[in-house]
């Protein structure tokens, strides 16, 4: 491990070039997860609560100020 550390200290630019592809793959994977899974899921929940409120006839301002009003917890 110390040999690797000394090699990286001796050649910092080469070390960054070697590490860069792995970090790019990690960043792309995280961003793809956020953009393709989490954001659509949040919008789908918002649209579902909006449609539910329109069908039931509840106020549209409640889901805006309490976005997860349909989840009730007895812990609090």
C-alpha atoms as a PDB file:
ATOM      1  CA  UNK A   1       0.000   0.000   0.000  1.00  0.00           C
ATOM      2  CA  UNK A   2       2.838   2.371   0.741  1.00  0.00           C
ATOM      3  CA  UNK A   3       4.316   1.664  -2.689  1.00  0.00           C
ATOM      4  CA  UNK A   4       1.039   2.640  -4.296  1.00  0.00           C
ATOM      5  CA  UNK A   5       0.836   5.793  -2.190  1.00  0.00           C
ATOM      6  CA  UNK A   6       4.386   6.815  -3.053  1.00  0.00           C
ATOM      7  CA  UNK A   7       3.730   6.109  -6.740  1.00  0.00           C
ATOM      8  CA  UNK A   8       0.589   8.253  -6.613  1.00  0.00           C
ATOM      9  CA  UNK A   9       2.469  11.051  -4.880  1.00  0.00           C
ATOM     10  CA  UNK A  10       5.216  10.881  -7.444  1.00  0.00           C
ATOM     11  CA  UNK A  11       2.818  10.924 -10.450  1.00  0.00           C
ATOM     12  CA  UNK A  12      -0.319  12.846  -9.439  1.00  0.00           C
ATOM     13  CA  UNK A  13      -1.574  13.539 -12.955  1.00  0.00           C
ATOM     14  CA  UNK A  14      -1.310   9.897 -13.959  1.00  0.00           C
ATOM     15  CA  UNK A  15      -3.102   8.889 -10.761  1.00  0.00           C
ATOM     16  CA  UNK A  16      -5.995  11.242 -11.481  1.00  0.00           C
ATOM     17  CA  UNK A  17      -6.245   9.951 -15.066  1.00  0.00           C
ATOM     18  CA  UNK A  18      -6.438   6.371 -13.776  1.00  0.00           C
ATOM     19  CA  UNK A  19      -9.061   7.198 -11.115  1.00  0.00           C
ATOM     20  CA  UNK A  20     -11.181   9.425 -13.386  1.00  0.00           C
ATOM     21  CA  UNK A  21     -13.050   6.710 -15.355  1.00  0.00           C
ATOM     22  CA  UNK A  22     -14.208   5.002 -12.163  1.00  0.00           C
ATOM     23  CA  UNK A  23     -15.440   8.255 -10.678  1.00  0.00           C
ATOM     24  CA  UNK A  24     -17.231   9.175 -13.917  1.00  0.00           C
ATOM     25  CA  UNK A  25     -19.038   5.826 -13.936  1.00  0.00           C
ATOM     26  CA  UNK A  26     -20.056   6.322 -10.307  1.00  0.00           C
ATOM     27  CA  UNK A  27     -21.369   9.835 -10.957  1.00  0.00           C
ATOM     28  CA  UNK A  28     -23.304   8.744 -14.047  1.00  0.00           C
ATOM     29  CA  UNK A  29     -24.841   5.833 -12.148  1.00  0.00           C
ATOM     30  CA  UNK A  30     -25.990   8.053  -9.282  1.00  0.00           C
ATOM     31  CA  UNK A  31     -27.373  10.720 -11.606  1.00  0.00           C
ATOM     32  CA  UNK A  32     -29.145   8.130 -13.730  1.00  0.00           C
ATOM     33  CA  UNK A  33     -30.752   6.684 -10.619  1.00  0.00           C
ATOM     34  CA  UNK A  34     -31.890  10.110  -9.465  1.00  0.00           C
ATOM     35  CA  UNK A  35     -33.164  11.286 -12.856  1.00  0.00           C
ATOM     36  CA  UNK A  36     -34.731   8.040 -14.086  1.00  0.00           C
ATOM     37  CA  UNK A  37     -36.164   6.629 -10.853  1.00  0.00           C
ATOM     38  CA  UNK A  38     -36.508   9.101  -8.004  1.00  0.00           C
ATOM     39  CA  UNK A  39     -37.757  12.207  -9.856  1.00  0.00           C
ATOM     40  CA  UNK A  40     -40.463  10.333 -11.814  1.00  0.00           C
ATOM     41  CA  UNK A  41     -41.535   8.535  -8.639  1.00  0.00           C
ATOM     42  CA  UNK A  42     -41.966  11.843  -6.781  1.00  0.00           C
ATOM     43  CA  UNK A  43     -43.924  13.338  -9.682  1.00  0.00           C
ATOM     44  CA  UNK A  44     -46.077  10.190  -9.897  1.00  0.00           C
ATOM     45  CA  UNK A  45     -46.940  10.487  -6.205  1.00  0.00           C
ATOM     46  CA  UNK A  46     -47.778  14.160  -6.683  1.00  0.00           C
ATOM     47  CA  UNK A  47     -50.004  13.462  -9.701  1.00  0.00           C
ATOM     48  CA  UNK A  48     -51.704  10.532  -7.950  1.00  0.00           C
ATOM     49  CA  UNK A  49     -52.545  12.677  -4.927  1.00  0.00           C
ATOM     50  CA  UNK A  50     -53.775  15.461  -7.227  1.00  0.00           C
ATOM     51  CA  UNK A  51     -56.043  13.044  -9.141  1.00  0.00           C
ATOM     52  CA  UNK A  52     -57.254  11.487  -5.892  1.00  0.00           C
ATOM     53  CA  UNK A  53     -58.087  14.928  -4.530  1.00  0.00           C
ATOM     54  CA  UNK A  54     -59.931  15.828  -7.721  1.00  0.00           C
ATOM     55  CA  UNK A  55     -62.010  12.643  -7.604  1.00  0.00           C
ATOM     56  CA  UNK A  56     -62.771  12.803  -3.885  1.00  0.00           C
ATOM     57  CA  UNK A  57     -63.273  16.546  -3.932  1.00  0.00           C
ATOM     58  CA  UNK A  58     -60.771  17.509  -1.263  1.00  0.00           C
ATOM     59  CA  UNK A  59     -58.948  20.815  -1.222  1.00  0.00           C
ATOM     60  CA  UNK A  60     -56.057  21.063  -3.645  1.00  0.00           C
ATOM     61  CA  UNK A  61     -54.005  23.160  -1.195  1.00  0.00           C
ATOM     62  CA  UNK A  62     -53.716  20.358   1.345  1.00  0.00           C
ATOM     63  CA  UNK A  63     -51.475  18.091  -0.792  1.00  0.00           C
ATOM     64  CA  UNK A  64     -49.251  21.061  -1.641  1.00  0.00           C
ATOM     65  CA  UNK A  65     -48.544  21.892   1.995  1.00  0.00           C
ATOM     66  CA  UNK A  66     -48.676  18.289   3.195  1.00  0.00           C
ATOM     67  CA  UNK A  67     -47.339  16.224   0.287  1.00  0.00           C
ATOM     68  CA  UNK A  68     -47.470  12.885   2.138  1.00  0.00           C
ATOM     69  CA  UNK A  69     -50.845  13.396   3.840  1.00  0.00           C
ATOM     70  CA  UNK A  70     -51.928   9.865   2.892  1.00  0.00           C
ATOM     71  CA  UNK A  71     -49.259   8.306   5.123  1.00  0.00           C
ATOM     72  CA  UNK A  72     -50.420   8.285   8.702  1.00  0.00           C
ATOM     73  CA  UNK A  73     -48.112   7.372  11.540  1.00  0.00           C
ATOM     74  CA  UNK A  74     -48.996   6.797  15.168  1.00  0.00           C
ATOM     75  CA  UNK A  75     -45.414   7.342  16.312  1.00  0.00           C
ATOM     76  CA  UNK A  76     -45.828  11.102  16.725  1.00  0.00           C
END
